[in-house]
C-alpha atoms as a PDB file:
ATOM      1  CA  UNK A   1     -21.362   7.792 -28.569  1.00  0.00           C
ATOM      2  CA  UNK A   2     -19.174   8.934 -25.709  1.00  0.00           C
ATOM      3  CA  UNK A   3     -16.648  11.711 -26.151  1.00  0.00           C
ATOM      4  CA  UNK A   4     -14.791  11.414 -22.860  1.00  0.00           C
ATOM      5  CA  UNK A   5     -11.395  11.723 -24.540  1.00  0.00           C
ATOM      6  CA  UNK A   6     -12.381  14.986 -26.225  1.00  0.00           C
ATOM      7  CA  UNK A   7     -13.680  16.486 -22.970  1.00  0.00           C
ATOM      8  CA  UNK A   8     -10.631  15.262 -21.079  1.00  0.00           C
ATOM      9  CA  UNK A   9      -8.263  16.797 -23.608  1.00  0.00           C
ATOM     10  CA  UNK A  10     -10.227  20.078 -23.591  1.00  0.00           C
ATOM     11  CA  UNK A  11      -9.725  20.161 -19.817  1.00  0.00           C
ATOM     12  CA  UNK A  12      -6.010  19.522 -20.318  1.00  0.00           C
ATOM     13  CA  UNK A  13      -5.830  16.412 -18.154  1.00  0.00           C
ATOM     14  CA  UNK A  14      -4.141  13.119 -18.848  1.00  0.00           C
ATOM     15  CA  UNK A  15      -5.729   9.719 -18.753  1.00  0.00           C
ATOM     16  CA  UNK A  16      -3.338   8.900 -15.907  1.00  0.00           C
ATOM     17  CA  UNK A  17      -4.643  11.902 -13.905  1.00  0.00           C
ATOM     18  CA  UNK A  18      -8.234  10.852 -14.551  1.00  0.00           C
ATOM     19  CA  UNK A  19      -7.480   7.316 -13.374  1.00  0.00           C
ATOM     20  CA  UNK A  20      -5.830   8.559 -10.165  1.00  0.00           C
ATOM     21  CA  UNK A  21      -8.601  11.089  -9.481  1.00  0.00           C
ATOM     22  CA  UNK A  22     -11.515   8.717 -10.084  1.00  0.00           C
ATOM     23  CA  UNK A  23      -9.961   5.577  -8.638  1.00  0.00           C
ATOM     24  CA  UNK A  24     -10.823   3.756 -11.858  1.00  0.00           C
ATOM     25  CA  UNK A  25      -8.271   1.573 -13.578  1.00  0.00           C
ATOM     26  CA  UNK A  26      -6.266   3.264 -16.334  1.00  0.00           C
ATOM     27  CA  UNK A  27      -7.003   0.375 -18.699  1.00  0.00           C
ATOM     28  CA  UNK A  28     -10.753   0.573 -18.024  1.00  0.00           C
ATOM     29  CA  UNK A  29     -10.765   4.296 -18.804  1.00  0.00           C
ATOM     30  CA  UNK A  30      -8.705   3.660 -21.930  1.00  0.00           C
ATOM     31  CA  UNK A  31     -11.247   1.051 -23.057  1.00  0.00           C
ATOM     32  CA  UNK A  32     -14.205   3.355 -22.292  1.00  0.00           C
ATOM     33  CA  UNK A  33     -12.647   6.169 -24.334  1.00  0.00           C
ATOM     34  CA  UNK A  34     -12.410   3.747 -27.236  1.00  0.00           C
ATOM     35  CA  UNK A  35     -16.030   2.644 -27.086  1.00  0.00           C
ATOM     36  CA  UNK A  36     -16.295  -0.039 -24.406  1.00  0.00           C
ATOM     37  CA  UNK A  37     -19.559  -0.225 -22.505  1.00  0.00           C
ATOM     38  CA  UNK A  38     -19.720   1.217 -19.014  1.00  0.00           C
ATOM     39  CA  UNK A  39     -22.231   1.798 -16.250  1.00  0.00           C
ATOM     40  CA  UNK A  40     -23.987   5.087 -15.598  1.00  0.00           C
ATOM     41  CA  UNK A  41     -22.334   5.138 -12.178  1.00  0.00           C
ATOM     42  CA  UNK A  42     -18.923   5.064 -13.880  1.00  0.00           C
ATOM     43  CA  UNK A  43     -19.918   7.954 -16.144  1.00  0.00           C
ATOM     44  CA  UNK A  44     -21.047   9.875 -13.071  1.00  0.00           C
ATOM     45  CA  UNK A  45     -17.632   9.424 -11.466  1.00  0.00           C
ATOM     46  CA  UNK A  46     -15.852  10.528 -14.653  1.00  0.00           C
ATOM     47  CA  UNK A  47     -18.120  13.543 -15.134  1.00  0.00           C
ATOM     48  CA  UNK A  48     -17.605  14.639 -11.537  1.00  0.00           C
ATOM     49  CA  UNK A  49     -13.809  14.393 -11.867  1.00  0.00           C
ATOM     50  CA  UNK A  50     -13.908  16.453 -15.081  1.00  0.00           C
ATOM     51  CA  UNK A  51     -16.390  18.899 -13.529  1.00  0.00           C
ATOM     52  CA  UNK A  52     -18.937  18.483 -16.342  1.00  0.00           C
ATOM     53  CA  UNK A  53     -22.446  17.057 -16.661  1.00  0.00           C
ATOM     54  CA  UNK A  54     -22.930  13.503 -17.884  1.00  0.00           C
ATOM     55  CA  UNK A  55     -24.620  14.915 -20.979  1.00  0.00           C
ATOM     56  CA  UNK A  56     -21.351  16.668 -21.903  1.00  0.00           C
ATOM     57  CA  UNK A  57     -19.712  13.242 -22.176  1.00  0.00           C
ATOM     58  CA  UNK A  58     -21.957  12.334 -25.126  1.00  0.00           C
ATOM     59  CA  UNK A  59     -21.755  13.620 -28.699  1.00  0.00           C
END
């Protein structure tokens, strides 16, 4: 299970900031944080923006 929201909140960044930084749609990120499926390439983009490894995005 992904824990992107937890990592994002630990970093003190908003979902809006993450959307602007990654170029991903706010709604897509919102869905991913709530359990929607996503590609590894999308996780790579999110991890890079949050300055963490992909593994950190998983529980």
